[in-house]
Amino acid sequence: MTKPQKQWIAFGDIHQNLRFVDIIPDIADVFGIIVTGDLTNHSPEGAVEKVWNAIYSKNSNILAQQGNMDRGNVTEFLKSKGANLHRESRELDAGIKVMGVGCSIPTPFGTPGEITEEEMARYLDETHSELGEYEQLLLVVHDAPFNTKLDAIANGVHVGSKAVRDFIEKHQPEIVLCGHIHEAQGEDVIGESRIFNPGMASGGGYVLVSIIDGKLDATLKHI
């Protein structure tokens, strides 16, 4: 059986609850960590630093982005660490790139990291235009794509982003990581794109992202 050449553990919706550090296995052993958003709850002083230190104590190779519950200071902090993914991209391996767009479309709660659908579409398009050549793409968004298994709240209403869905339909990234809707943990597809929402990190949900023989893959996990 072929061993994965590189692996990342991806999770989100931390909300300052550091329980995930002790319950998600192998954090220290994988190549790196990807955080899809919502490190904090409205980003009080010192909160993002505590979350960062908890992850960094296990694995120093971190990519992360702000969610709708995070203020702009989270992005600035992550940039200072060279770890920001919001509206940025990286090469994970030869021909394989990752790009991120955090935040969410408006919610009934008026959270600090909300943007319009138009802004979401623009951020996605601008970030993608700067990718350059690639063969496979890992898309990391905080908001879930509209009308999937991953954006339905408790009453069954779909509240995800139409801009995120449109982008996925157009560009068909191999793997999409999202979050935001805690109760919609699961996996879905849009065309050829496989999409994962691991739910809240403190609930033990995460995605194991792998590159095996040059091919990007992912598996939804739950403790």
C-alpha atoms as a PDB file:
ATOM      1  CA  MET A   1       0.000   0.000   0.000  1.00  0.00           C
ATOM      2  CA  THR A   2       1.370   3.387  -1.030  1.00  0.00           C
ATOM      3  CA  LYS A   3       2.107   5.738   1.821  1.00  0.00           C
ATOM      4  CA  PRO A   4       0.891   9.347   1.549  1.00  0.00           C
ATOM      5  CA  GLN A   5       3.704  11.646   0.526  1.00  0.00           C
ATOM      6  CA  LYS A   6       2.221  14.587   2.421  1.00  0.00           C
ATOM      7  CA  GLN A   7      -0.749  14.980   4.732  1.00  0.00           C
ATOM      8  CA  TRP A   8      -2.528  17.943   6.311  1.00  0.00           C
ATOM      9  CA  ILE A   9      -5.158  18.004   9.019  1.00  0.00           C
ATOM     10  CA  ALA A  10      -7.850  20.581   8.281  1.00  0.00           C
ATOM     11  CA  PHE A  11     -10.505  21.873  10.644  1.00  0.00           C
ATOM     12  CA  GLY A  12     -12.332  25.072  11.531  1.00  0.00           C
ATOM     13  CA  ASP A  13     -14.951  26.703  13.718  1.00  0.00           C
ATOM     14  CA  ILE A  14     -12.668  26.637  16.743  1.00  0.00           C
ATOM     15  CA  HIS A  15     -14.387  29.565  18.486  1.00  0.00           C
ATOM     16  CA  GLN A  16     -11.621  29.777  21.112  1.00  0.00           C
ATOM     17  CA  ASN A  17     -12.384  26.263  22.368  1.00  0.00           C
ATOM     18  CA  LEU A  18      -9.001  24.550  22.560  1.00  0.00           C
ATOM     19  CA  ARG A  19     -10.351  21.066  23.235  1.00  0.00           C
ATOM     20  CA  PHE A  20      -9.499  20.027  19.665  1.00  0.00           C
ATOM     21  CA  VAL A  21      -5.784  20.076  20.434  1.00  0.00           C
ATOM     22  CA  ASP A  22      -6.148  17.055  22.699  1.00  0.00           C
ATOM     23  CA  ILE A  23      -8.796  15.089  20.801  1.00  0.00           C
ATOM     24  CA  ILE A  24      -7.788  15.304  17.129  1.00  0.00           C
ATOM     25  CA  PRO A  25      -5.074  12.682  16.592  1.00  0.00           C
ATOM     26  CA  ASP A  26      -1.790  13.030  14.728  1.00  0.00           C
ATOM     27  CA  ILE A  27      -1.750  16.843  14.694  1.00  0.00           C
ATOM     28  CA  ALA A  28       1.939  16.747  15.520  1.00  0.00           C
ATOM     29  CA  ASP A  29       2.754  14.120  12.898  1.00  0.00           C
ATOM     30  CA  VAL A  30       1.258  15.523   9.686  1.00  0.00           C
ATOM     31  CA  PHE A  31       3.018  17.884   7.303  1.00  0.00           C
ATOM     32  CA  GLY A  32       0.814  20.823   8.268  1.00  0.00           C
ATOM     33  CA  ILE A  33      -2.453  22.236   9.594  1.00  0.00           C
ATOM     34  CA  ILE A  34      -5.165  24.095   7.653  1.00  0.00           C
ATOM     35  CA  VAL A  35      -7.774  26.175   9.509  1.00  0.00           C
ATOM     36  CA  THR A  36     -10.871  27.154   7.506  1.00  0.00           C
ATOM     37  CA  GLY A  37     -11.959  30.034   9.764  1.00  0.00           C
ATOM     38  CA  ASP A  38     -13.595  31.124  13.022  1.00  0.00           C
ATOM     39  CA  LEU A  39     -10.575  30.879  15.257  1.00  0.00           C
ATOM     40  CA  THR A  40     -12.224  33.278  17.735  1.00  0.00           C
ATOM     41  CA  ASN A  41     -15.533  34.718  18.908  1.00  0.00           C
ATOM     42  CA  HIS A  42     -15.388  38.372  17.861  1.00  0.00           C
ATOM     43  CA  SER A  43     -11.608  38.372  18.437  1.00  0.00           C
ATOM     44  CA  PRO A  44     -11.195  39.759  21.964  1.00  0.00           C
ATOM     45  CA  GLU A  45      -7.691  40.782  22.959  1.00  0.00           C
ATOM     46  CA  GLY A  46      -5.305  37.844  23.083  1.00  0.00           C
ATOM     47  CA  ALA A  47      -7.763  35.294  21.676  1.00  0.00           C
ATOM     48  CA  VAL A  48      -6.153  34.600  18.310  1.00  0.00           C
ATOM     49  CA  GLU A  49      -2.751  34.358  19.993  1.00  0.00           C
ATOM     50  CA  LYS A  50      -4.030  31.651  22.349  1.00  0.00           C
ATOM     51  CA  VAL A  51      -5.513  29.632  19.491  1.00  0.00           C
ATOM     52  CA  TRP A  52      -2.347  30.051  17.435  1.00  0.00           C
ATOM     53  CA  ASN A  53      -0.109  28.974  20.316  1.00  0.00           C
ATOM     54  CA  ALA A  54      -2.242  25.895  20.967  1.00  0.00           C
ATOM     55  CA  ILE A  55      -1.886  24.756  17.358  1.00  0.00           C
ATOM     56  CA  TYR A  56       1.754  25.844  17.050  1.00  0.00           C
ATOM     57  CA  SER A  57       2.697  23.821  20.128  1.00  0.00           C
ATOM     58  CA  LYS A  58       1.704  20.701  18.167  1.00  0.00           C
ATOM     59  CA  ASN A  59       2.613  21.652  14.594  1.00  0.00           C
ATOM     60  CA  SER A  60       4.363  24.814  13.423  1.00  0.00           C
ATOM     61  CA  ASN A  61       3.340  24.539   9.748  1.00  0.00           C
ATOM     62  CA  ILE A  62       0.003  26.376   9.751  1.00  0.00           C
ATOM     63  CA  LEU A  63      -2.213  27.949   7.098  1.00  0.00           C
ATOM     64  CA  ALA A  64      -5.333  29.687   8.405  1.00  0.00           C
ATOM     65  CA  GLN A  65      -7.905  32.320   7.571  1.00  0.00           C
ATOM     66  CA  GLN A  66     -10.534  34.419   9.288  1.00  0.00           C
ATOM     67  CA  GLY A  67     -14.157  33.346   9.430  1.00  0.00           C
ATOM     68  CA  ASN A  68     -17.258  35.437   9.987  1.00  0.00           C
ATOM     69  CA  MET A  69     -16.710  35.399  13.767  1.00  0.00           C
ATOM     70  CA  ASP A  70     -13.197  36.812  13.393  1.00  0.00           C
ATOM     71  CA  ARG A  71     -12.290  40.464  13.053  1.00  0.00           C
ATOM     72  CA  GLY A  72      -9.694  41.814  10.655  1.00  0.00           C
ATOM     73  CA  ASN A  73      -7.023  41.662  13.349  1.00  0.00           C
ATOM     74  CA  VAL A  74      -7.028  37.872  12.892  1.00  0.00           C
ATOM     75  CA  THR A  75      -5.962  38.282   9.266  1.00  0.00           C
ATOM     76  CA  GLU A  76      -3.300  40.794  10.270  1.00  0.00           C
ATOM     77  CA  PHE A  77      -1.974  38.436  12.936  1.00  0.00           C
ATOM     78  CA  LEU A  78      -1.852  35.508  10.498  1.00  0.00           C
ATOM     79  CA  LYS A  79      -0.063  37.664   7.934  1.00  0.00           C
ATOM     80  CA  SER A  80       2.544  38.551  10.551  1.00  0.00           C
ATOM     81  CA  LYS A  81       3.187  34.824  10.970  1.00  0.00           C
ATOM     82  CA  GLY A  82       3.340  34.140   7.224  1.00  0.00           C
ATOM     83  CA  ALA A  83       0.331  31.854   7.681  1.00  0.00           C
ATOM     84  CA  ASN A  84      -2.601  33.802   6.195  1.00  0.00           C
ATOM     85  CA  LEU A  85      -4.710  32.021   3.582  1.00  0.00           C
ATOM     86  CA  HIS A  86      -7.555  34.540   3.203  1.00  0.00           C
ATOM     87  CA  ARG A  87      -7.309  35.918  -0.354  1.00  0.00           C
ATOM     88  CA  GLU A  88      -3.945  34.197  -0.771  1.00  0.00           C
ATOM     89  CA  SER A  89      -2.573  30.996  -2.290  1.00  0.00           C
ATOM     90  CA  ARG A  90       0.329  28.585  -1.888  1.00  0.00           C
ATOM     91  CA  GLU A  91       1.877  25.679  -3.755  1.00  0.00           C
ATOM     92  CA  LEU A  92       1.414  22.474  -1.765  1.00  0.00           C
ATOM     93  CA  ASP A  93       3.357  20.249  -4.135  1.00  0.00           C
ATOM     94  CA  ALA A  94       4.363  20.169  -7.789  1.00  0.00           C
ATOM     95  CA  GLY A  95       1.287  21.190  -9.782  1.00  0.00           C
ATOM     96  CA  ILE A  96      -0.949  21.322  -6.683  1.00  0.00           C
ATOM     97  CA  LYS A  97      -2.059  24.650  -5.220  1.00  0.00           C
ATOM     98  CA  VAL A  98      -4.274  25.841  -2.376  1.00  0.00           C
ATOM     99  CA  MET A  99      -6.234  29.088  -2.306  1.00  0.00           C
ATOM    100  CA  GLY A 100      -8.379  30.516   0.444  1.00  0.00           C
ATOM    101  CA  VAL A 101     -11.223  32.958   0.958  1.00  0.00           C
ATOM    102  CA  GLY A 102     -12.560  33.356   4.479  1.00  0.00           C
ATOM    103  CA  CYS A 103     -15.467  35.359   5.958  1.00  0.00           C
ATOM    104  CA  SER A 104     -19.120  34.606   5.154  1.00  0.00           C
ATOM    105  CA  ILE A 105     -22.085  36.207   3.483  1.00  0.00           C
ATOM    106  CA  PRO A 106     -24.427  38.153   5.828  1.00  0.00           C
ATOM    107  CA  THR A 107     -26.003  36.280   8.740  1.00  0.00           C
ATOM    108  CA  PRO A 108     -28.903  37.281  11.034  1.00  0.00           C
ATOM    109  CA  PHE A 109     -26.354  37.844  13.803  1.00  0.00           C
ATOM    110  CA  GLY A 110     -24.303  40.701  12.367  1.00  0.00           C
ATOM    111  CA  THR A 111     -20.941  39.023  12.935  1.00  0.00           C
ATOM    112  CA  PRO A 112     -17.758  40.985  12.233  1.00  0.00           C
ATOM    113  CA  GLY A 113     -16.399  38.991   9.284  1.00  0.00           C
ATOM    114  CA  GLU A 114     -19.402  39.246   6.968  1.00  0.00           C
ATOM    115  CA  ILE A 115     -19.173  40.295   3.315  1.00  0.00           C
ATOM    116  CA  THR A 116     -21.670  40.526   0.470  1.00  0.00           C
ATOM    117  CA  GLU A 117     -22.105  37.851  -2.196  1.00  0.00           C
ATOM    118  CA  GLU A 118     -20.572  40.324  -4.636  1.00  0.00           C
ATOM    119  CA  GLU A 119     -17.487  40.723  -2.468  1.00  0.00           C
ATOM    120  CA  MET A 120     -17.244  36.949  -2.039  1.00  0.00           C
ATOM    121  CA  ALA A 121     -17.338  36.472  -5.808  1.00  0.00           C
ATOM    122  CA  ARG A 122     -14.717  39.169  -6.313  1.00  0.00           C
ATOM    123  CA  TYR A 123     -12.383  37.766  -3.649  1.00  0.00           C
ATOM    124  CA  LEU A 124     -12.645  34.289  -5.169  1.00  0.00           C
ATOM    125  CA  ASP A 125     -12.049  35.516  -8.712  1.00  0.00           C
ATOM    126  CA  GLU A 126      -9.150  37.785  -7.740  1.00  0.00           C
ATOM    127  CA  THR A 127      -7.421  35.085  -5.729  1.00  0.00           C
ATOM    128  CA  HIS A 128      -7.887  32.528  -8.495  1.00  0.00           C
ATOM    129  CA  SER A 129      -6.527  34.945 -11.119  1.00  0.00           C
ATOM    130  CA  GLU A 130      -3.256  35.126  -9.189  1.00  0.00           C
ATOM    131  CA  LEU A 131      -2.768  31.352  -8.978  1.00  0.00           C
ATOM    132  CA  GLY A 132      -0.891  30.926 -12.222  1.00  0.00           C
ATOM    133  CA  GLU A 133      -0.600  27.469 -13.712  1.00  0.00           C
ATOM    134  CA  TYR A 134      -1.762  24.466 -11.709  1.00  0.00           C
ATOM    135  CA  GLU A 135      -2.962  20.922 -12.266  1.00  0.00           C
ATOM    136  CA  GLN A 136      -4.999  20.389  -9.095  1.00  0.00           C
ATOM    137  CA  LEU A 137      -6.586  22.839  -6.689  1.00  0.00           C
ATOM    138  CA  LEU A 138      -7.542  22.724  -3.025  1.00  0.00           C
ATOM    139  CA  LEU A 139     -10.086  25.460  -2.282  1.00  0.00           C
ATOM    140  CA  VAL A 140     -10.432  26.539   1.347  1.00  0.00           C
ATOM    141  CA  VAL A 141     -13.494  28.660   2.094  1.00  0.00           C
ATOM    142  CA  HIS A 142     -15.210  29.395   5.379  1.00  0.00           C
ATOM    143  CA  ASP A 143     -18.719  29.729   3.993  1.00  0.00           C
ATOM    144  CA  ALA A 144     -20.384  26.605   2.623  1.00  0.00           C
ATOM    145  CA  PRO A 145     -21.618  26.493  -0.984  1.00  0.00           C
ATOM    146  CA  PHE A 146     -25.336  27.116  -1.406  1.00  0.00           C
ATOM    147  CA  ASN A 147     -27.858  24.278  -1.778  1.00  0.00           C
ATOM    148  CA  THR A 148     -25.688  21.385  -0.631  1.00  0.00           C
ATOM    149  CA  LYS A 149     -25.703  18.997   2.310  1.00  0.00           C
ATOM    150  CA  LEU A 150     -23.176  21.319   3.910  1.00  0.00           C
ATOM    151  CA  ASP A 151     -25.148  24.573   4.192  1.00  0.00           C
ATOM    152  CA  ALA A 152     -28.488  23.419   5.649  1.00  0.00           C
ATOM    153  CA  ILE A 153     -29.369  24.711   9.108  1.00  0.00           C
ATOM    154  CA  ALA A 154     -31.520  22.774  11.587  1.00  0.00           C
ATOM    155  CA  ASN A 155     -34.823  23.619   9.885  1.00  0.00           C
ATOM    156  CA  GLY A 156     -33.518  22.466   6.506  1.00  0.00           C
ATOM    157  CA  VAL A 157     -33.097  25.925   4.997  1.00  0.00           C
ATOM    158  CA  HIS A 158     -30.000  26.363   2.822  1.00  0.00           C
ATOM    159  CA  VAL A 159     -28.025  29.440   3.853  1.00  0.00           C
ATOM    160  CA  GLY A 160     -24.706  29.027   2.058  1.00  0.00           C
ATOM    161  CA  SER A 161     -23.022  31.279  -0.465  1.00  0.00           C
ATOM    162  CA  LYS A 162     -24.177  31.301  -4.075  1.00  0.00           C
ATOM    163  CA  ALA A 163     -20.889  32.927  -5.064  1.00  0.00           C
ATOM    164  CA  VAL A 164     -18.941  30.015  -3.567  1.00  0.00           C
ATOM    165  CA  ARG A 165     -21.153  27.536  -5.423  1.00  0.00           C
ATOM    166  CA  ASP A 166     -20.787  29.445  -8.706  1.00  0.00           C
ATOM    167  CA  PHE A 167     -17.013  29.459  -8.337  1.00  0.00           C
ATOM    168  CA  ILE A 168     -16.918  25.711  -7.678  1.00  0.00           C
ATOM    169  CA  GLU A 169     -19.173  25.003 -10.656  1.00  0.00           C
ATOM    170  CA  LYS A 170     -16.947  27.103 -12.919  1.00  0.00           C
ATOM    171  CA  HIS A 171     -13.484  26.020 -11.798  1.00  0.00           C
ATOM    172  CA  GLN A 172     -14.125  22.520 -10.396  1.00  0.00           C
ATOM    173  CA  PRO A 173     -11.384  22.357  -7.741  1.00  0.00           C
ATOM    174  CA  GLU A 174     -10.571  18.776  -6.834  1.00  0.00           C
ATOM    175  CA  ILE A 175     -11.144  19.294  -3.106  1.00  0.00           C
ATOM    176  CA  VAL A 176     -13.095  22.007  -1.270  1.00  0.00           C
ATOM    177  CA  LEU A 177     -12.908  22.575   2.488  1.00  0.00           C
ATOM    178  CA  CYS A 178     -15.589  24.699   4.155  1.00  0.00           C
ATOM    179  CA  GLY A 179     -17.271  25.163   7.534  1.00  0.00           C
ATOM    180  CA  HIS A 180     -19.493  27.845   9.074  1.00  0.00           C
ATOM    181  CA  ILE A 181     -22.641  25.713   9.376  1.00  0.00           C
ATOM    182  CA  HIS A 182     -21.800  23.580  12.405  1.00  0.00           C
ATOM    183  CA  GLU A 183     -24.744  21.200  12.133  1.00  0.00           C
ATOM    184  CA  ALA A 184     -24.095  20.427   8.448  1.00  0.00           C
ATOM    185  CA  GLN A 185     -21.021  18.267   8.940  1.00  0.00           C
ATOM    186  CA  GLY A 186     -20.527  15.966   5.991  1.00  0.00           C
ATOM    187  CA  GLU A 187     -19.402  15.510   2.412  1.00  0.00           C
ATOM    188  CA  ASP A 188     -21.024  16.441  -0.893  1.00  0.00           C
ATOM    189  CA  VAL A 189     -20.124  16.946  -4.543  1.00  0.00           C
ATOM    190  CA  ILE A 190     -20.642  19.672  -7.119  1.00  0.00           C
ATOM    191  CA  GLY A 191     -19.737  18.223 -10.478  1.00  0.00           C
ATOM    192  CA  GLU A 192     -16.292  16.693 -10.048  1.00  0.00           C
ATOM    193  CA  SER A 193     -15.506  18.688  -6.899  1.00  0.00           C
ATOM    194  CA  ARG A 194     -15.593  16.893  -3.545  1.00  0.00           C
ATOM    195  CA  ILE A 195     -16.623  19.219  -0.714  1.00  0.00           C
ATOM    196  CA  PHE A 196     -16.108  18.699   3.020  1.00  0.00           C
ATOM    197  CA  ASN A 197     -17.526  20.421   6.101  1.00  0.00           C
ATOM    198  CA  PRO A 198     -15.972  18.888   9.234  1.00  0.00           C
ATOM    199  CA  GLY A 199     -18.185  20.801  11.706  1.00  0.00           C
ATOM    200  CA  MET A 200     -16.780  22.303  14.886  1.00  0.00           C
ATOM    201  CA  ALA A 201     -13.210  21.384  15.764  1.00  0.00           C
ATOM    202  CA  SER A 202     -14.128  20.939  19.423  1.00  0.00           C
ATOM    203  CA  GLY A 203     -16.627  18.282  18.325  1.00  0.00           C
ATOM    204  CA  GLY A 204     -13.794  16.214  16.889  1.00  0.00           C
ATOM    205  CA  GLY A 205     -14.453  16.798  13.199  1.00  0.00           C
ATOM    206  CA  TYR A 206     -11.600  17.239  10.752  1.00  0.00           C
ATOM    207  CA  VAL A 207     -10.502  16.446   7.207  1.00  0.00           C
ATOM    208  CA  LEU A 208      -7.358  14.526   6.392  1.00  0.00           C
ATOM    209  CA  VAL A 209      -5.947  15.999   3.176  1.00  0.00           C
ATOM    210  CA  SER A 210      -3.379  13.867   1.383  1.00  0.00           C
ATOM    211  CA  ILE A 211      -1.142  13.976  -1.657  1.00  0.00           C
ATOM    212  CA  ILE A 212      -0.514  10.414  -2.777  1.00  0.00           C
ATOM    213  CA  ASP A 213       1.630   9.810  -5.867  1.00  0.00           C
ATOM    214  CA  GLY A 214       0.997  13.382  -6.979  1.00  0.00           C
ATOM    215  CA  LYS A 215      -2.787  13.203  -6.566  1.00  0.00           C
ATOM    216  CA  LEU A 216      -4.812  15.324  -4.151  1.00  0.00           C
ATOM    217  CA  ASP A 217      -7.268  13.427  -1.945  1.00  0.00           C
ATOM    218  CA  ALA A 218      -9.245  13.988   1.263  1.00  0.00           C
ATOM    219  CA  THR A 219     -11.150  11.996   3.867  1.00  0.00           C
ATOM    220  CA  LEU A 220     -13.699  13.262   6.386  1.00  0.00           C
ATOM    221  CA  LYS A 221     -12.884  12.169   9.932  1.00  0.00           C
ATOM    222  CA  HIS A 222     -14.720  12.346  13.242  1.00  0.00           C
ATOM    223  CA  ILE A 223     -13.524  11.356  16.699  1.00  0.00           C
END
